[in-house]
């Protein structure tokens, strides 16, 4: 009798398992981000990095700051694991740019904070190139402040 009850219970569990696995799979691919958003961020970050010397630091800071805030919102939204890594990388690149811009604008506190943020996002994303750039920004900003 106990075996029959266990078999029936196991049958229900196994019957529900396929549906449950399908739901796991569906949720793994859910996203509020999407490839087109990541493509847009790639263009914006490239544009900021290449125009940083052609526009005023205050104007560039405003643009980079707005996009950095938007990326933070996307990080807190529903996204895939792959998208999460990309968002962390984009956040890091923007924070690195914001660190240099804040430094150029004379705000060493904000410069340090953004450099540390860039370093953390690079580390979390496992992105060695970004980590090296962020470490350079942090060291350079720290050194220039100490020399003043």
C-alpha atoms as a PDB file:
ATOM      1  CA  UNK A   1       0.000   0.000   0.000  1.00  0.00           C
ATOM      2  CA  UNK A   2       2.822   2.415   0.893  1.00  0.00           C
ATOM      3  CA  UNK A   3       4.566   1.598  -2.401  1.00  0.00           C
ATOM      4  CA  UNK A   4       1.425   2.345  -4.378  1.00  0.00           C
ATOM      5  CA  UNK A   5       1.074   5.710  -2.608  1.00  0.00           C
ATOM      6  CA  UNK A   6       4.731   6.556  -3.240  1.00  0.00           C
ATOM      7  CA  UNK A   7       4.449   5.524  -6.867  1.00  0.00           C
ATOM      8  CA  UNK A   8       1.384   7.719  -7.337  1.00  0.00           C
ATOM      9  CA  UNK A   9       3.117  10.682  -5.674  1.00  0.00           C
ATOM     10  CA  UNK A  10       6.232  10.141  -7.807  1.00  0.00           C
ATOM     11  CA  UNK A  11       4.027   9.979 -10.899  1.00  0.00           C
ATOM     12  CA  UNK A  12       2.532  13.388 -10.075  1.00  0.00           C
ATOM     13  CA  UNK A  13       5.985  14.873  -9.410  1.00  0.00           C
ATOM     14  CA  UNK A  14       7.350  13.493 -12.677  1.00  0.00           C
ATOM     15  CA  UNK A  15       4.245  14.609 -14.522  1.00  0.00           C
ATOM     16  CA  UNK A  16       4.733  18.150 -13.247  1.00  0.00           C
ATOM     17  CA  UNK A  17       8.512  18.063 -13.816  1.00  0.00           C
ATOM     18  CA  UNK A  18       8.364  18.543 -17.592  1.00  0.00           C
ATOM     19  CA  UNK A  19       6.049  21.534 -17.242  1.00  0.00           C
ATOM     20  CA  UNK A  20       8.267  22.945 -14.507  1.00  0.00           C
ATOM     21  CA  UNK A  21      11.399  22.493 -16.658  1.00  0.00           C
ATOM     22  CA  UNK A  22       9.679  24.263 -19.549  1.00  0.00           C
ATOM     23  CA  UNK A  23       8.895  27.189 -17.241  1.00  0.00           C
ATOM     24  CA  UNK A  24      12.529  27.313 -16.071  1.00  0.00           C
ATOM     25  CA  UNK A  25      13.622  27.468 -19.710  1.00  0.00           C
ATOM     26  CA  UNK A  26      11.105  30.173 -20.580  1.00  0.00           C
ATOM     27  CA  UNK A  27      12.187  32.369 -17.671  1.00  0.00           C
ATOM     28  CA  UNK A  28      15.878  31.947 -18.504  1.00  0.00           C
ATOM     29  CA  UNK A  29      15.268  33.669 -21.825  1.00  0.00           C
ATOM     30  CA  UNK A  30      13.018  36.476 -20.575  1.00  0.00           C
ATOM     31  CA  UNK A  31      14.361  39.957 -20.917  1.00  0.00           C
ATOM     32  CA  UNK A  32      13.353  43.597 -20.852  1.00  0.00           C
ATOM     33  CA  UNK A  33      16.659  44.510 -22.505  1.00  0.00           C
ATOM     34  CA  UNK A  34      17.117  42.834 -25.887  1.00  0.00           C
ATOM     35  CA  UNK A  35      19.901  42.921 -28.434  1.00  0.00           C
ATOM     36  CA  UNK A  36      18.828  46.232 -29.983  1.00  0.00           C
ATOM     37  CA  UNK A  37      19.253  47.974 -26.613  1.00  0.00           C
ATOM     38  CA  UNK A  38      22.743  46.509 -26.245  1.00  0.00           C
ATOM     39  CA  UNK A  39      23.575  47.592 -29.815  1.00  0.00           C
ATOM     40  CA  UNK A  40      22.378  51.119 -29.003  1.00  0.00           C
ATOM     41  CA  UNK A  41      24.519  51.241 -25.859  1.00  0.00           C
ATOM     42  CA  UNK A  42      27.560  50.089 -27.836  1.00  0.00           C
ATOM     43  CA  UNK A  43      27.089  52.981 -30.291  1.00  0.00           C
ATOM     44  CA  UNK A  44      26.561  55.538 -27.516  1.00  0.00           C
ATOM     45  CA  UNK A  45      29.592  54.433 -25.522  1.00  0.00           C
ATOM     46  CA  UNK A  46      31.798  54.449 -28.619  1.00  0.00           C
ATOM     47  CA  UNK A  47      30.502  57.919 -29.483  1.00  0.00           C
ATOM     48  CA  UNK A  48      31.203  59.220 -25.968  1.00  0.00           C
ATOM     49  CA  UNK A  49      34.710  57.760 -25.963  1.00  0.00           C
ATOM     50  CA  UNK A  50      35.581  59.204 -29.387  1.00  0.00           C
ATOM     51  CA  UNK A  51      33.989  62.641 -28.843  1.00  0.00           C
ATOM     52  CA  UNK A  52      35.274  63.250 -25.324  1.00  0.00           C
ATOM     53  CA  UNK A  53      37.975  65.625 -26.618  1.00  0.00           C
ATOM     54  CA  UNK A  54      35.695  67.398 -29.129  1.00  0.00           C
ATOM     55  CA  UNK A  55      32.896  68.387 -26.781  1.00  0.00           C
ATOM     56  CA  UNK A  56      32.946  70.237 -23.503  1.00  0.00           C
ATOM     57  CA  UNK A  57      33.545  67.987 -20.468  1.00  0.00           C
ATOM     58  CA  UNK A  58      30.339  69.278 -18.873  1.00  0.00           C
ATOM     59  CA  UNK A  59      28.252  68.345 -21.941  1.00  0.00           C
ATOM     60  CA  UNK A  60      29.877  64.916 -22.182  1.00  0.00           C
ATOM     61  CA  UNK A  61      29.397  64.347 -18.458  1.00  0.00           C
ATOM     62  CA  UNK A  62      25.689  65.114 -18.775  1.00  0.00           C
ATOM     63  CA  UNK A  63      25.228  62.627 -21.625  1.00  0.00           C
ATOM     64  CA  UNK A  64      27.364  59.894 -20.037  1.00  0.00           C
ATOM     65  CA  UNK A  65      25.643  60.395 -16.672  1.00  0.00           C
ATOM     66  CA  UNK A  66      22.180  60.006 -18.198  1.00  0.00           C
ATOM     67  CA  UNK A  67      23.164  56.793 -19.962  1.00  0.00           C
ATOM     68  CA  UNK A  68      24.891  55.455 -16.838  1.00  0.00           C
ATOM     69  CA  UNK A  69      21.659  55.970 -14.896  1.00  0.00           C
ATOM     70  CA  UNK A  70      19.689  54.212 -17.639  1.00  0.00           C
ATOM     71  CA  UNK A  71      22.057  51.239 -17.562  1.00  0.00           C
ATOM     72  CA  UNK A  72      21.573  51.016 -13.806  1.00  0.00           C
ATOM     73  CA  UNK A  73      17.816  50.798 -14.407  1.00  0.00           C
ATOM     74  CA  UNK A  74      18.374  48.053 -16.987  1.00  0.00           C
ATOM     75  CA  UNK A  75      20.617  46.132 -14.578  1.00  0.00           C
ATOM     76  CA  UNK A  76      17.741  46.164 -12.080  1.00  0.00           C
ATOM     77  CA  UNK A  77      15.250  45.011 -14.727  1.00  0.00           C
ATOM     78  CA  UNK A  78      14.549  41.548 -16.091  1.00  0.00           C
ATOM     79  CA  UNK A  79      17.394  40.346 -18.334  1.00  0.00           C
ATOM     80  CA  UNK A  80      19.327  37.258 -19.282  1.00  0.00           C
ATOM     81  CA  UNK A  81      22.645  36.288 -17.739  1.00  0.00           C
ATOM     82  CA  UNK A  82      24.473  37.190 -20.969  1.00  0.00           C
ATOM     83  CA  UNK A  83      22.785  40.585 -21.034  1.00  0.00           C
ATOM     84  CA  UNK A  84      23.705  41.131 -17.397  1.00  0.00           C
ATOM     85  CA  UNK A  85      27.385  40.747 -18.183  1.00  0.00           C
ATOM     86  CA  UNK A  86      27.111  43.141 -21.136  1.00  0.00           C
ATOM     87  CA  UNK A  87      25.251  45.691 -19.031  1.00  0.00           C
ATOM     88  CA  UNK A  88      27.958  45.487 -16.352  1.00  0.00           C
ATOM     89  CA  UNK A  89      30.625  46.048 -18.996  1.00  0.00           C
ATOM     90  CA  UNK A  90      28.784  49.043 -20.450  1.00  0.00           C
ATOM     91  CA  UNK A  91      28.235  50.425 -16.947  1.00  0.00           C
ATOM     92  CA  UNK A  92      31.949  50.064 -16.271  1.00  0.00           C
ATOM     93  CA  UNK A  93      33.011  51.815 -19.474  1.00  0.00           C
ATOM     94  CA  UNK A  94      30.640  54.702 -18.790  1.00  0.00           C
ATOM     95  CA  UNK A  95      31.800  54.981 -15.168  1.00  0.00           C
ATOM     96  CA  UNK A  96      35.395  55.070 -16.366  1.00  0.00           C
ATOM     97  CA  UNK A  97      34.525  57.923 -18.762  1.00  0.00           C
ATOM     98  CA  UNK A  98      32.613  59.682 -15.989  1.00  0.00           C
ATOM     99  CA  UNK A  99      35.653  59.339 -13.703  1.00  0.00           C
ATOM    100  CA  UNK A 100      37.890  61.089 -16.222  1.00  0.00           C
ATOM    101  CA  UNK A 101      35.257  63.744 -16.961  1.00  0.00           C
ATOM    102  CA  UNK A 102      34.652  64.450 -13.256  1.00  0.00           C
ATOM    103  CA  UNK A 103      38.413  64.712 -12.784  1.00  0.00           C
ATOM    104  CA  UNK A 104      38.640  67.134 -15.697  1.00  0.00           C
ATOM    105  CA  UNK A 105      35.800  69.159 -14.183  1.00  0.00           C
ATOM    106  CA  UNK A 106      37.709  69.363 -10.881  1.00  0.00           C
ATOM    107  CA  UNK A 107      35.612  67.040  -8.725  1.00  0.00           C
ATOM    108  CA  UNK A 108      38.042  64.493  -7.305  1.00  0.00           C
ATOM    109  CA  UNK A 109      35.415  62.875  -5.063  1.00  0.00           C
ATOM    110  CA  UNK A 110      33.134  62.043  -7.988  1.00  0.00           C
ATOM    111  CA  UNK A 111      36.155  61.036 -10.077  1.00  0.00           C
ATOM    112  CA  UNK A 112      37.267  58.543  -7.426  1.00  0.00           C
ATOM    113  CA  UNK A 113      33.740  57.223  -6.929  1.00  0.00           C
ATOM    114  CA  UNK A 114      33.232  56.576 -10.641  1.00  0.00           C
ATOM    115  CA  UNK A 115      36.676  55.001 -11.004  1.00  0.00           C
ATOM    116  CA  UNK A 116      35.897  52.618  -8.141  1.00  0.00           C
ATOM    117  CA  UNK A 117      32.513  51.868  -9.711  1.00  0.00           C
ATOM    118  CA  UNK A 118      34.180  51.110 -13.057  1.00  0.00           C
ATOM    119  CA  UNK A 119      36.637  48.792 -11.315  1.00  0.00           C
ATOM    120  CA  UNK A 120      33.854  46.937  -9.507  1.00  0.00           C
ATOM    121  CA  UNK A 121      31.730  46.474 -12.622  1.00  0.00           C
ATOM    122  CA  UNK A 122      34.762  45.282 -14.598  1.00  0.00           C
ATOM    123  CA  UNK A 123      35.581  42.797 -11.858  1.00  0.00           C
ATOM    124  CA  UNK A 124      32.005  41.524 -11.623  1.00  0.00           C
ATOM    125  CA  UNK A 125      31.851  41.099 -15.412  1.00  0.00           C
ATOM    126  CA  UNK A 126      35.270  39.423 -15.543  1.00  0.00           C
ATOM    127  CA  UNK A 127      36.363  41.939 -18.195  1.00  0.00           C
ATOM    128  CA  UNK A 128      40.157  42.260 -17.996  1.00  0.00           C
ATOM    129  CA  UNK A 129      40.558  45.113 -20.495  1.00  0.00           C
ATOM    130  CA  UNK A 130      37.999  47.269 -18.719  1.00  0.00           C
ATOM    131  CA  UNK A 131      39.545  46.363 -15.362  1.00  0.00           C
ATOM    132  CA  UNK A 132      42.956  47.567 -16.586  1.00  0.00           C
ATOM    133  CA  UNK A 133      41.489  50.852 -17.860  1.00  0.00           C
ATOM    134  CA  UNK A 134      39.548  51.394 -14.634  1.00  0.00           C
ATOM    135  CA  UNK A 135      42.607  50.619 -12.498  1.00  0.00           C
ATOM    136  CA  UNK A 136      44.616  53.082 -14.572  1.00  0.00           C
ATOM    137  CA  UNK A 137      41.949  55.754 -14.130  1.00  0.00           C
ATOM    138  CA  UNK A 138      41.794  55.204 -10.375  1.00  0.00           C
ATOM    139  CA  UNK A 139      45.579  55.274  -9.990  1.00  0.00           C
ATOM    140  CA  UNK A 140      46.017  58.309 -12.221  1.00  0.00           C
ATOM    141  CA  UNK A 141      43.252  60.270 -10.532  1.00  0.00           C
ATOM    142  CA  UNK A 142      44.576  59.373  -7.076  1.00  0.00           C
ATOM    143  CA  UNK A 143      48.111  60.330  -8.050  1.00  0.00           C
ATOM    144  CA  UNK A 144      47.104  63.662  -9.564  1.00  0.00           C
ATOM    145  CA  UNK A 145      45.075  64.575  -6.462  1.00  0.00           C
ATOM    146  CA  UNK A 146      48.017  63.731  -4.184  1.00  0.00           C
ATOM    147  CA  UNK A 147      50.359  65.837  -6.307  1.00  0.00           C
ATOM    148  CA  UNK A 148      48.166  68.913  -5.930  1.00  0.00           C
END
